[in-house]
Amino acid sequence: MVIKIAFTIIFLAVMIGVGLYTRKQASSVEGFVLGGRAVGPWLTAFAFGTSYFSAVVFVGYAGQFGWKYGLSSTWIGVGNAVIGSLLAWLLLGRRTKLMTQHIESRTMPDFFGTRFGDQGLRVAASIIAFVFLIPYTAGVYKGISTLFEMGFGIPYEYCVVVMAILTAVYVILGGYKATAMNDFIQGIIMLFGIVAVIIAVLNVQGGLAAAVEKLADMPADNDPTMNGGFASWFGPDPWGLLGVVVLTSLGTMGLPQMVGKFYSITDESAIKRGTVISTVFAFIVAGGCYFLGGFGRLFGMPPVLPNGKLAFDSIVPSMLVTLPDVLIALVVLLVLSASMSTLASLVLTSSSTMTLDLIYRDKKSLPGEVEEGEINDIVSEKVERRKVVVMRVLIMFFIAISLLIALNPPTFIAQLMGISWGALAGAFLAPFMLGLYSRRITRISVWACFVWGVGLTLVNMLVGNPINPINCGAIAMVGGFPVVWLVSLFTKQLPKQKVDYIFECYK
C-alpha cells in the first residue's frame, strides 16, 4: 500500500506542477484553448493518443469486448491505430490545421458556423458537444474509480470526487499547454505500463502459448459443444466485432476534443512526424489493451449485477488483483494517466465551446457573406481575460455535472461511450470531413446531419435500445456521409466567392 500511495502522490504532484509551470501561457484565449497554435509533434501526438485511450478502453471496452470476442478483440486496437490514428492524421491533420487557421476558427462549432456561414450551426454544434461529452466523461470517471477501488480499497464515491478536483486544478491553471505536457508524461507511463502488465498477466497463465491453448478449449456461450472461437482470428461474432471497430475507430474524426489537436500543432512538417508517433502509440496501447482483455475468461466469471447481467467492468480489475504491489501501482498509474488526460481534454473542449460559441460569439464575415452587426478586429485584452475566466468557471461546472452522473452511473461504461460517440461523431464527422475537402457541401446538409446523428441516437435510446448502442453509433457515423452528400445535391450552394476564399488556404 505504501508503494501504491507513494507512486500516486508523486504522479499527481507532477501533474499539478506542470499546471503551475504553464499558467503564464494560459492568460489569453489562444494560449488557453490552443497553446498558441505552437504545440510540437511529440506533444500533439501523445495528446491525441492519451485523449483517445482512457479507462473507458482499458477497463470498460477491453473487459467487455475481450469477454465477448476473445483474442479477436485485438482487431479493435488495430482498427484504432490504422483508422482512428493513421487515417485521421492523413485525412484531417494538414487540412484542419490550414483551414481553421485561415478562417480563424478555434473550435469545431466555430468551424461549422464560419465555414458554412451560419451562426445557428455554431450554436447547435456547441450545445450538442456540451450535452454529449458529459456521458463520456462520466464513463471515464467510472472506469478509473473501479480500478482505484480494487487497488486501494477506497470507496468509489471518494475516488470520483478526488479525480474531478485534481483534473480541474491542472486544467484551470495551465489550459491546453498544461494538458499537452501532462499528456506526454502520461503517455510514457501508458506505453511502459501496458507492456509490463501484459507480460505479468500472461506469466500467471503459464505464458502466451499456454494461455492461448486454455482459451481455445473454452466453449462458446451459445453452444457449449463448440470450442476454439475465443482463440480464432475473427472470434465468435465477426459482424458485431466490425461494429465496435467502426465506432471506436471512425469516431475520432468527428469528436471535437480529438480534432482540436490538429488546430494547435505548429506546422505541416510537424503533422508528418505526429502521424507516425501517434500511430505507433495507438498500436501499442490500444492493441495491448484489447489483447489483454481477450484473456479475461481465464480468470473466472465476473460478478453478476442485480439485473442478472455480468459486471463486465470488473473483468480487467479481477485479472490484475493478483499481481505484485509494484505492478498494481503501475496499473493504477497507467489507467490514471489515460483517464486524467482524457478528462482534461473533454472539460477543456466543453468549456471553450460554451464560452467561445455561445457566450462570447465573435461575429465573423468572409467574402460572400452579409455582415451581422459590428465586427471588432481587435479584441481588447480585458475581454480576452474575461473569456479565460468564464472558461475556467465552466470547467468546474462541466466537471460537477459529469460527477453527478458518475455517482449514479448506468450499468456499463461501454453504454455511456456508445451514446456519446454515436451522437457526436454521427452529427459532426461527415460535415466536418467533407467540409474540408468539397466545395459543394451546403448549409442545409450540415443541419440534416446534425438531426440524423443526434436523432438516431436519442430515438434508439428512448425506445429501449433495439439497436445495440455500439452498432447504432457506427450506423450514425457511416450514414452521415450519404445524408450530407444527397442533401447537398438538392439544396442551395454557398456563394462562390466565399467558398473560393476559404479554399485558398490549400494553394
Protein backbone atom coordinates (compact mmCIF):
# COMPACT_ATOMS: atom_id res chain seq x y z
CA MET A 1 0.00 0.00 0.00
CA VAL A 2 2.90 2.36 0.75
CA ILE A 3 4.30 1.77 -2.74
CA LYS A 4 0.93 2.44 -4.38
CA ILE A 5 0.33 5.62 -2.39
CA ALA A 6 3.87 6.94 -2.97
CA PHE A 7 3.68 6.39 -6.75
CA THR A 8 0.28 8.04 -6.93
CA ILE A 9 1.28 11.09 -4.86
CA ILE A 10 4.42 11.66 -6.98
CA PHE A 11 2.36 11.35 -10.16
CA LEU A 12 -0.29 13.82 -9.00
CA ALA A 13 2.34 16.28 -7.75
CA VAL A 14 3.97 16.28 -11.19
CA MET A 15 0.61 16.94 -12.87
CA ILE A 16 -0.11 19.93 -10.63
CA GLY A 17 3.47 21.16 -11.08
CA VAL A 18 3.06 21.21 -14.86
CA GLY A 19 -0.14 23.22 -14.44
CA LEU A 20 1.71 25.79 -12.34
CA TYR A 21 4.63 25.88 -14.80
CA THR A 22 2.40 26.62 -17.83
CA ARG A 23 -0.08 29.00 -16.19
CA LYS A 24 1.52 32.13 -17.72
CA GLN A 25 0.86 30.77 -21.22
CA ALA A 26 -2.83 30.39 -20.43
CA SER A 27 -3.67 34.08 -19.95
CA SER A 28 -5.14 34.57 -23.45
CA VAL A 29 -7.87 32.63 -25.25
CA GLU A 30 -5.46 31.43 -27.95
CA GLY A 31 -3.00 30.28 -25.28
CA PHE A 32 -5.60 28.67 -23.02
CA VAL A 33 -7.50 26.80 -25.76
CA LEU A 34 -4.84 26.08 -28.42
CA GLY A 35 -1.47 26.55 -26.72
CA GLY A 36 -0.80 29.47 -29.06
CA ARG A 37 -1.08 27.12 -32.10
CA ALA A 38 2.57 26.23 -31.47
CA VAL A 39 2.48 22.75 -29.94
CA GLY A 40 5.10 20.36 -31.39
CA PRO A 41 4.57 16.92 -32.98
CA TRP A 42 5.50 14.81 -29.94
CA LEU A 43 3.22 16.68 -27.55
CA THR A 44 0.38 16.76 -30.09
CA ALA A 45 0.72 13.07 -31.00
CA PHE A 46 0.74 11.99 -27.36
CA ALA A 47 -2.13 14.38 -26.58
CA PHE A 48 -4.12 12.75 -29.40
CA GLY A 49 -3.34 9.23 -28.19
CA THR A 50 -3.89 9.78 -24.48
CA SER A 51 -7.16 11.62 -25.14
CA TYR A 52 -8.24 8.68 -27.30
CA PHE A 53 -7.48 5.88 -24.84
CA SER A 54 -8.72 6.14 -21.26
CA ALA A 55 -10.20 3.93 -18.56
CA VAL A 56 -13.17 3.56 -20.92
CA VAL A 57 -10.90 1.46 -23.15
CA PHE A 58 -8.67 -0.20 -20.56
CA VAL A 59 -11.38 -1.16 -18.05
CA GLY A 60 -14.69 -0.93 -19.91
CA TYR A 61 -14.12 -1.88 -23.53
CA ALA A 62 -11.17 -4.24 -23.06
CA GLY A 63 -13.10 -6.19 -20.43
CA GLN A 64 -16.48 -6.31 -22.17
CA PHE A 65 -15.30 -6.97 -25.72
CA GLY A 66 -12.43 -9.20 -24.63
CA TRP A 67 -15.03 -11.37 -22.90
CA LYS A 68 -17.35 -11.30 -25.90
CA TYR A 69 -14.86 -11.77 -28.76
CA GLY A 70 -11.77 -13.31 -27.12
CA LEU A 71 -8.41 -12.67 -28.77
CA SER A 72 -10.11 -11.33 -31.91
CA SER A 73 -10.90 -8.18 -29.89
CA THR A 74 -7.28 -7.22 -30.67
CA TRP A 75 -8.62 -6.18 -34.10
CA ILE A 76 -10.35 -3.28 -32.33
CA GLY A 77 -6.96 -1.97 -31.25
CA VAL A 78 -5.55 -2.47 -34.75
CA GLY A 79 -8.53 -0.56 -36.19
CA ASN A 80 -7.98 2.22 -33.65
CA ALA A 81 -4.35 2.53 -34.79
CA VAL A 82 -4.93 2.32 -38.57
CA ILE A 83 -8.26 4.17 -38.90
CA GLY A 84 -8.55 6.16 -35.69
CA SER A 85 -4.95 7.40 -35.68
CA LEU A 86 -3.12 6.93 -39.02
CA LEU A 87 -6.09 7.68 -41.28
CA ALA A 88 -7.31 10.50 -39.06
CA TRP A 89 -3.95 12.26 -39.25
CA LEU A 90 -3.60 11.67 -43.00
CA LEU A 91 -7.12 12.84 -43.88
CA LEU A 92 -7.62 15.61 -41.35
CA GLY A 93 -4.26 16.78 -40.00
CA ARG A 94 -2.99 19.14 -42.68
CA ARG A 95 -6.37 20.32 -43.98
CA THR A 96 -7.74 21.02 -40.50
CA LYS A 97 -4.65 22.97 -39.49
CA LEU A 98 -4.64 25.13 -42.64
CA MET A 99 -8.36 25.83 -42.96
CA THR A 100 -9.07 26.52 -39.29
CA GLN A 101 -6.12 28.89 -39.11
CA HIS A 102 -7.18 30.60 -42.35
CA ILE A 103 -10.76 31.25 -41.19
CA GLU A 104 -9.60 31.90 -37.60
CA SER A 105 -11.60 29.04 -36.11
CA ARG A 106 -10.79 27.94 -32.56
CA THR A 107 -13.37 25.20 -32.01
CA MET A 108 -15.32 22.69 -34.10
CA PRO A 109 -18.65 24.55 -33.67
CA ASP A 110 -16.84 27.74 -34.72
CA PHE A 111 -15.68 25.88 -37.85
CA PHE A 112 -19.25 24.93 -38.77
CA GLY A 113 -20.52 28.48 -38.23
CA THR A 114 -17.75 30.15 -40.24
CA ARG A 115 -17.19 27.54 -42.97
CA PHE A 116 -20.91 27.34 -43.81
CA GLY A 117 -21.86 30.93 -42.99
CA ASP A 118 -24.50 30.09 -40.38
CA GLN A 119 -24.11 31.09 -36.74
CA GLY A 120 -27.08 28.87 -35.91
CA LEU A 121 -24.93 25.87 -36.82
CA ARG A 122 -22.30 27.13 -34.42
CA VAL A 123 -24.79 27.37 -31.55
CA ALA A 124 -26.37 23.98 -32.29
CA ALA A 125 -22.98 22.26 -32.55
CA SER A 126 -21.81 23.75 -29.25
CA ILE A 127 -24.94 22.51 -27.46
CA ILE A 128 -24.57 19.02 -28.96
CA ALA A 129 -20.91 18.91 -27.94
CA PHE A 130 -21.58 20.06 -24.39
CA VAL A 131 -24.50 17.69 -23.78
CA PHE A 132 -22.97 14.53 -25.27
CA LEU A 133 -19.48 14.94 -23.87
CA ILE A 134 -20.96 14.63 -20.38
CA PRO A 135 -21.83 10.88 -20.54
CA TYR A 136 -18.39 10.13 -22.00
CA THR A 137 -16.77 11.97 -19.09
CA ALA A 138 -18.91 10.04 -16.62
CA GLY A 139 -17.76 6.78 -18.23
CA VAL A 140 -14.13 7.79 -17.74
CA TYR A 141 -14.77 8.54 -14.06
CA LYS A 142 -16.42 5.17 -13.61
CA GLY A 143 -13.55 3.27 -15.19
CA ILE A 144 -10.73 4.80 -13.17
CA SER A 145 -12.70 4.69 -9.94
CA THR A 146 -13.45 0.98 -10.35
CA LEU A 147 -9.73 0.30 -10.60
CA PHE A 148 -8.87 2.56 -7.68
CA GLU A 149 -11.42 0.76 -5.55
CA MET A 150 -9.72 -2.53 -6.43
CA GLY A 151 -6.16 -1.31 -5.89
CA PHE A 152 -6.59 0.86 -2.80
CA GLY A 153 -9.84 -0.27 -1.22
CA ILE A 154 -11.11 3.31 -1.41
CA PRO A 155 -14.90 3.68 -1.91
CA TYR A 156 -15.96 4.55 -5.46
CA GLU A 157 -17.55 7.86 -4.44
CA TYR A 158 -14.34 9.21 -2.92
CA CYS A 159 -12.35 8.21 -5.99
CA VAL A 160 -14.50 10.12 -8.48
CA VAL A 161 -14.54 13.25 -6.33
CA VAL A 162 -10.73 13.31 -5.94
CA MET A 163 -10.28 12.65 -9.68
CA ALA A 164 -12.59 15.54 -10.54
CA ILE A 165 -10.81 18.00 -8.25
CA LEU A 166 -7.29 17.13 -9.42
CA THR A 167 -8.19 17.28 -13.11
CA ALA A 168 -9.90 20.64 -12.63
CA VAL A 169 -6.86 22.09 -10.85
CA TYR A 170 -4.25 21.49 -13.54
CA VAL A 171 -6.55 22.28 -16.49
CA ILE A 172 -7.73 25.53 -14.89
CA LEU A 173 -4.14 26.52 -14.14
CA GLY A 174 -2.43 25.79 -17.44
CA GLY A 175 -5.07 25.24 -20.12
CA TYR A 176 -4.15 23.30 -23.27
CA LYS A 177 -0.37 23.57 -22.87
CA ALA A 178 -0.54 22.01 -19.39
CA THR A 179 -2.82 19.30 -20.77
CA ALA A 180 -0.44 18.54 -23.67
CA MET A 181 2.66 18.40 -21.45
CA ASN A 182 0.92 16.17 -18.94
CA ASP A 183 -0.37 14.01 -21.79
CA PHE A 184 3.22 13.39 -22.88
CA ILE A 185 4.24 12.27 -19.37
CA GLN A 186 1.10 10.18 -19.04
CA GLY A 187 1.68 8.63 -22.47
CA ILE A 188 5.14 7.41 -21.49
CA ILE A 189 3.63 5.74 -18.41
CA MET A 190 0.93 4.14 -20.57
CA LEU A 191 3.46 2.69 -23.04
CA PHE A 192 5.61 1.05 -20.38
CA GLY A 193 2.64 0.11 -18.23
CA ILE A 194 0.66 -1.83 -20.80
CA VAL A 195 3.69 -3.90 -21.88
CA ALA A 196 4.58 -4.76 -18.27
CA VAL A 197 1.01 -5.69 -17.38
CA ILE A 198 0.56 -7.98 -20.41
CA ILE A 199 3.77 -9.86 -19.59
CA ALA A 200 2.78 -10.24 -15.92
CA VAL A 201 -0.77 -11.42 -16.68
CA LEU A 202 0.39 -14.00 -19.24
CA ASN A 203 3.01 -15.31 -16.81
CA VAL A 204 0.20 -16.04 -14.34
CA GLN A 205 -1.32 -18.33 -17.00
CA GLY A 206 1.96 -20.06 -17.84
CA GLY A 207 2.98 -17.92 -20.81
CA LEU A 208 1.43 -16.88 -24.11
CA ALA A 209 1.18 -20.34 -25.71
CA ALA A 210 -0.41 -21.90 -22.61
CA ALA A 211 -2.88 -19.01 -22.25
CA VAL A 212 -3.99 -19.25 -25.89
CA GLU A 213 -4.39 -23.03 -25.57
CA LYS A 214 -6.59 -22.62 -22.47
CA LEU A 215 -8.69 -20.02 -24.28
CA ALA A 216 -9.13 -22.30 -27.29
CA ASP A 217 -10.53 -25.04 -25.05
CA MET A 218 -13.32 -22.80 -23.75
CA PRO A 219 -16.82 -23.47 -25.13
CA ALA A 220 -18.85 -20.81 -26.91
CA ASP A 221 -21.58 -19.09 -24.89
CA ASN A 222 -24.37 -20.08 -27.29
CA ASP A 223 -23.12 -23.62 -27.95
CA PRO A 224 -21.22 -25.49 -25.19
CA THR A 225 -20.09 -28.14 -27.72
CA MET A 226 -18.19 -25.59 -29.85
CA ASN A 227 -14.65 -24.74 -28.74
CA GLY A 228 -11.95 -22.53 -30.17
CA GLY A 229 -13.95 -19.42 -31.08
CA PHE A 230 -12.31 -17.20 -28.48
CA ALA A 231 -8.84 -18.00 -29.81
CA SER A 232 -9.73 -17.69 -33.52
CA TRP A 233 -8.82 -14.85 -35.89
CA PHE A 234 -12.26 -13.22 -36.07
CA GLY A 235 -13.93 -14.63 -32.96
CA PRO A 236 -17.47 -15.94 -32.45
CA ASP A 237 -19.23 -12.79 -33.82
CA PRO A 238 -17.31 -11.12 -36.70
CA TRP A 239 -20.10 -8.67 -37.61
CA GLY A 240 -20.53 -7.48 -34.04
CA LEU A 241 -16.76 -7.05 -33.86
CA LEU A 242 -16.83 -4.94 -37.03
CA GLY A 243 -19.41 -2.60 -35.45
CA VAL A 244 -17.12 -1.98 -32.48
CA VAL A 245 -14.14 -1.34 -34.78
CA VAL A 246 -16.14 1.24 -36.75
CA LEU A 247 -17.47 3.05 -33.67
CA THR A 248 -14.17 3.24 -31.80
CA SER A 249 -12.01 3.98 -34.86
CA LEU A 250 -14.00 6.17 -37.22
CA GLY A 251 -15.45 8.17 -34.34
CA THR A 252 -12.21 10.00 -33.55
CA MET A 253 -12.52 12.02 -36.76
CA GLY A 254 -15.79 13.54 -35.59
CA LEU A 255 -15.07 14.24 -31.92
CA PRO A 256 -14.33 17.89 -31.01
CA GLN A 257 -11.71 17.01 -28.37
CA MET A 258 -9.77 14.88 -30.89
CA VAL A 259 -9.97 17.11 -33.97
CA GLY A 260 -8.99 20.09 -31.83
CA LYS A 261 -5.47 18.67 -31.53
CA PHE A 262 -4.87 19.49 -35.21
CA TYR A 263 -5.77 23.14 -34.62
CA SER A 264 -2.84 23.64 -32.27
CA ILE A 265 0.06 21.83 -33.98
CA THR A 266 2.92 24.04 -35.21
CA ASP A 267 3.20 23.36 -38.96
CA GLU A 268 2.88 20.81 -41.78
CA SER A 269 6.22 19.11 -41.11
CA ALA A 270 5.15 18.55 -37.51
CA ILE A 271 1.97 16.89 -38.80
CA LYS A 272 4.04 14.33 -40.74
CA ARG A 273 6.07 13.39 -37.68
CA GLY A 274 3.00 13.41 -35.45
CA THR A 275 1.26 10.94 -37.78
CA VAL A 276 3.96 8.32 -37.23
CA ILE A 277 4.26 8.88 -33.48
CA SER A 278 0.50 8.77 -32.90
CA THR A 279 0.05 5.57 -34.95
CA VAL A 280 2.82 3.68 -33.14
CA PHE A 281 1.43 4.83 -29.80
CA ALA A 282 -2.05 3.55 -30.73
CA PHE A 283 -0.75 0.17 -31.90
CA ILE A 284 0.99 -0.42 -28.57
CA VAL A 285 -1.61 1.00 -26.18
CA ALA A 286 -4.91 0.11 -27.90
CA GLY A 287 -3.66 -3.18 -29.32
CA GLY A 288 -2.22 -4.09 -25.93
CA CYS A 289 -5.41 -3.23 -24.04
CA TYR A 290 -7.69 -5.35 -26.20
CA PHE A 291 -5.15 -8.19 -26.44
CA LEU A 292 -5.03 -8.25 -22.64
CA GLY A 293 -8.83 -8.18 -22.36
CA GLY A 294 -9.06 -11.18 -24.68
CA PHE A 295 -7.72 -13.40 -21.86
CA GLY A 296 -10.37 -12.27 -19.38
CA ARG A 297 -12.23 -15.60 -19.42
CA LEU A 298 -9.19 -17.37 -17.99
CA PHE A 299 -9.68 -15.53 -14.68
CA GLY A 300 -13.15 -16.82 -13.87
CA MET A 301 -16.66 -15.47 -14.15
CA PRO A 302 -17.15 -11.79 -13.29
CA PRO A 303 -19.72 -10.86 -10.60
CA VAL A 304 -23.41 -10.77 -11.53
CA LEU A 305 -25.25 -7.46 -11.20
CA PRO A 306 -28.70 -7.19 -9.56
CA ASN A 307 -30.31 -7.13 -13.02
CA GLY A 308 -28.75 -10.52 -13.78
CA LYS A 309 -26.13 -9.29 -16.24
CA LEU A 310 -22.40 -9.83 -15.88
CA ALA A 311 -20.36 -6.96 -14.42
CA PHE A 312 -18.08 -6.52 -17.43
CA ASP A 313 -16.31 -3.54 -15.86
CA SER A 314 -14.95 -5.87 -13.16
CA ILE A 315 -13.18 -8.22 -15.60
CA VAL A 316 -9.92 -6.34 -16.08
CA PRO A 317 -9.58 -5.38 -12.38
CA SER A 318 -10.06 -9.06 -11.44
CA MET A 319 -7.22 -10.00 -13.83
CA LEU A 320 -4.89 -7.55 -12.12
CA VAL A 321 -5.72 -8.05 -8.46
CA THR A 322 -3.29 -10.98 -8.04
CA LEU A 323 -0.29 -9.06 -9.43
CA PRO A 324 2.55 -7.85 -7.15
CA ASP A 325 2.04 -4.49 -5.44
CA VAL A 326 4.57 -2.72 -7.66
CA LEU A 327 2.72 -3.81 -10.79
CA ILE A 328 -0.67 -2.89 -9.32
CA ALA A 329 0.75 0.56 -8.57
CA LEU A 330 1.92 0.74 -12.20
CA VAL A 331 -1.51 -0.31 -13.44
CA VAL A 332 -3.20 2.33 -11.31
CA LEU A 333 -0.84 4.97 -12.75
CA LEU A 334 -1.41 3.60 -16.26
CA VAL A 335 -5.18 3.99 -16.04
CA LEU A 336 -4.96 7.20 -14.03
CA SER A 337 -2.72 8.63 -16.77
CA ALA A 338 -5.07 7.59 -19.54
CA SER A 339 -8.14 8.85 -17.73
CA MET A 340 -6.87 12.20 -16.49
CA SER A 341 -5.59 13.10 -19.97
CA THR A 342 -8.98 12.25 -21.50
CA LEU A 343 -10.86 14.13 -18.77
CA ALA A 344 -8.65 17.18 -19.23
CA SER A 345 -9.29 17.17 -22.97
CA LEU A 346 -13.05 16.75 -22.52
CA VAL A 347 -13.51 19.52 -19.95
CA LEU A 348 -11.29 21.94 -21.89
CA THR A 349 -13.22 21.26 -25.11
CA SER A 350 -16.60 21.70 -23.41
CA SER A 351 -15.72 24.89 -21.57
CA SER A 352 -14.08 26.54 -24.60
CA THR A 353 -17.02 25.60 -26.82
CA MET A 354 -19.59 27.05 -24.44
CA THR A 355 -17.56 30.23 -23.90
CA LEU A 356 -16.50 30.99 -27.47
CA ASP A 357 -19.54 29.66 -29.34
CA LEU A 358 -22.44 30.55 -27.01
CA ILE A 359 -21.49 33.23 -24.50
CA TYR A 360 -18.88 35.30 -26.40
CA ARG A 361 -19.63 34.64 -30.03
CA ASP A 362 -17.35 36.86 -32.13
CA LYS A 363 -19.17 37.67 -35.33
CA LYS A 364 -17.13 37.00 -38.46
CA SER A 365 -17.59 37.99 -42.06
CA LEU A 366 -16.00 36.21 -45.02
CA PRO A 367 -16.29 37.23 -48.68
CA GLY A 368 -19.79 36.49 -49.95
CA GLU A 369 -21.44 36.87 -46.54
CA VAL A 370 -23.62 39.63 -45.18
CA GLU A 371 -22.10 41.22 -42.10
CA GLU A 372 -24.15 40.87 -38.95
CA GLY A 373 -23.60 43.81 -36.70
CA GLU A 374 -20.32 45.46 -35.89
CA ILE A 375 -17.16 43.39 -36.28
CA ASN A 376 -14.28 44.20 -33.97
CA ASP A 377 -10.91 43.31 -35.50
CA ILE A 378 -9.03 43.92 -32.26
CA VAL A 379 -10.37 42.24 -29.15
CA SER A 380 -9.35 44.07 -26.02
CA GLU A 381 -7.09 42.40 -23.51
CA LYS A 382 -9.79 42.85 -20.88
CA VAL A 383 -12.33 40.86 -22.90
CA GLU A 384 -9.74 38.14 -23.59
CA ARG A 385 -9.07 37.74 -19.89
CA ARG A 386 -12.79 37.66 -19.16
CA LYS A 387 -13.25 34.84 -21.65
CA VAL A 388 -10.50 32.81 -19.97
CA VAL A 389 -12.13 33.36 -16.57
CA VAL A 390 -15.50 32.20 -17.93
CA MET A 391 -13.86 29.09 -19.41
CA ARG A 392 -12.32 28.26 -16.04
CA VAL A 393 -15.69 28.63 -14.32
CA LEU A 394 -17.36 26.43 -16.93
CA ILE A 395 -14.69 23.76 -16.44
CA MET A 396 -15.84 23.45 -12.83
CA PHE A 397 -19.50 23.43 -13.93
CA PHE A 398 -18.91 20.69 -16.52
CA ILE A 399 -16.97 18.56 -14.06
CA ALA A 400 -19.73 18.94 -11.45
CA ILE A 401 -22.44 17.74 -13.86
CA SER A 402 -20.44 14.74 -15.09
CA LEU A 403 -19.58 13.94 -11.49
CA LEU A 404 -23.26 13.69 -10.59
CA ILE A 405 -23.78 11.20 -13.43
CA ALA A 406 -20.68 9.25 -12.41
CA LEU A 407 -22.02 8.88 -8.86
CA ASN A 408 -25.19 7.26 -10.27
CA PRO A 409 -23.85 5.63 -13.45
CA PRO A 410 -25.59 3.34 -15.97
CA THR A 411 -24.74 -0.35 -15.97
CA PHE A 412 -21.78 -0.39 -18.32
CA ILE A 413 -19.06 2.03 -19.36
CA ALA A 414 -19.47 0.90 -22.97
CA GLN A 415 -23.09 2.05 -22.98
CA LEU A 416 -22.05 5.56 -21.94
CA MET A 417 -19.40 5.77 -24.64
CA GLY A 418 -21.69 4.35 -27.33
CA ILE A 419 -24.28 7.06 -26.70
CA SER A 420 -21.71 9.85 -26.56
CA TRP A 421 -19.61 8.86 -29.59
CA GLY A 422 -22.65 7.90 -31.65
CA ALA A 423 -24.36 11.28 -31.26
CA LEU A 424 -21.22 13.43 -31.57
CA ALA A 425 -19.49 11.67 -34.45
CA GLY A 426 -22.83 10.87 -36.12
CA ALA A 427 -23.59 14.60 -36.21
CA PHE A 428 -20.12 16.05 -36.84
CA LEU A 429 -17.96 13.53 -38.73
CA ALA A 430 -19.41 13.74 -42.24
CA PRO A 431 -19.96 17.53 -42.48
CA PHE A 432 -16.57 18.29 -40.94
CA MET A 433 -14.57 15.94 -43.17
CA LEU A 434 -16.50 16.74 -46.33
CA GLY A 435 -16.35 20.44 -45.48
CA LEU A 436 -12.55 20.25 -45.57
CA TYR A 437 -12.49 18.57 -48.98
CA SER A 438 -15.57 19.53 -51.00
CA ARG A 439 -16.74 22.96 -52.16
CA ARG A 440 -20.26 21.65 -52.79
CA ILE A 441 -21.36 20.91 -49.21
CA THR A 442 -24.34 23.09 -48.28
CA ARG A 443 -25.52 24.66 -45.06
CA ILE A 444 -28.77 22.66 -45.07
CA SER A 445 -26.88 19.37 -45.42
CA VAL A 446 -24.98 20.12 -42.20
CA TRP A 447 -28.26 20.73 -40.37
CA ALA A 448 -29.58 17.46 -41.80
CA CYS A 449 -26.58 15.54 -40.48
CA PHE A 450 -26.95 17.11 -37.01
CA VAL A 451 -30.55 15.91 -36.93
CA TRP A 452 -29.53 12.48 -38.25
CA GLY A 453 -26.74 11.78 -35.74
CA VAL A 454 -28.43 13.11 -32.61
CA GLY A 455 -31.91 11.96 -33.65
CA LEU A 456 -30.92 8.36 -34.34
CA THR A 457 -29.03 8.10 -31.05
CA LEU A 458 -31.82 9.61 -28.95
CA VAL A 459 -34.66 7.69 -30.60
CA ASN A 460 -32.78 4.41 -30.19
CA MET A 461 -32.14 5.21 -26.53
CA LEU A 462 -35.72 6.30 -25.80
CA VAL A 463 -37.28 3.16 -27.28
CA GLY A 464 -35.06 0.88 -25.20
CA ASN A 465 -32.04 0.39 -27.50
CA PRO A 466 -33.49 -2.07 -30.05
CA ILE A 467 -30.20 -1.47 -31.88
CA ASN A 468 -27.19 -2.07 -29.68
CA PRO A 469 -25.78 1.42 -28.76
CA ILE A 470 -22.42 0.40 -30.24
CA ASN A 471 -23.90 -0.61 -33.59
CA CYS A 472 -26.25 2.37 -33.52
CA GLY A 473 -23.27 4.69 -33.14
CA ALA A 474 -21.49 3.04 -36.06
CA ILE A 475 -24.60 3.39 -38.25
CA ALA A 476 -24.92 7.07 -37.29
CA MET A 477 -21.31 7.79 -38.30
CA VAL A 478 -21.30 5.95 -41.63
CA GLY A 479 -24.84 7.08 -42.51
CA GLY A 480 -23.89 10.74 -42.12
CA PHE A 481 -21.89 10.71 -45.38
CA PRO A 482 -24.80 9.83 -47.73
CA VAL A 483 -27.04 12.22 -45.78
CA VAL A 484 -24.69 15.17 -46.32
CA TRP A 485 -23.93 14.29 -49.93
CA LEU A 486 -27.55 13.72 -51.00
CA VAL A 487 -28.93 16.82 -49.28
CA SER A 488 -26.13 18.91 -50.80
CA LEU A 489 -27.23 17.81 -54.30
CA PHE A 490 -30.70 19.31 -53.83
CA THR A 491 -30.08 22.41 -51.72
CA LYS A 492 -28.65 25.88 -52.39
CA GLN A 493 -24.88 26.11 -52.75
CA LEU A 494 -22.81 28.62 -50.78
CA PRO A 495 -21.66 31.81 -52.59
CA LYS A 496 -18.75 31.02 -54.92
CA GLN A 497 -16.70 34.00 -53.71
CA LYS A 498 -16.90 32.81 -50.12
CA VAL A 499 -16.02 29.20 -50.96
CA ASP A 500 -13.08 30.26 -53.15
CA TYR A 501 -11.71 32.38 -50.30
CA ILE A 502 -11.98 29.50 -47.79
CA PHE A 503 -10.17 27.04 -50.07
CA GLU A 504 -7.34 29.47 -50.84
CA CYS A 505 -5.54 28.08 -47.79
CA TYR A 506 -4.65 24.87 -49.69
CA LYS A 507 -2.87 26.61 -52.57
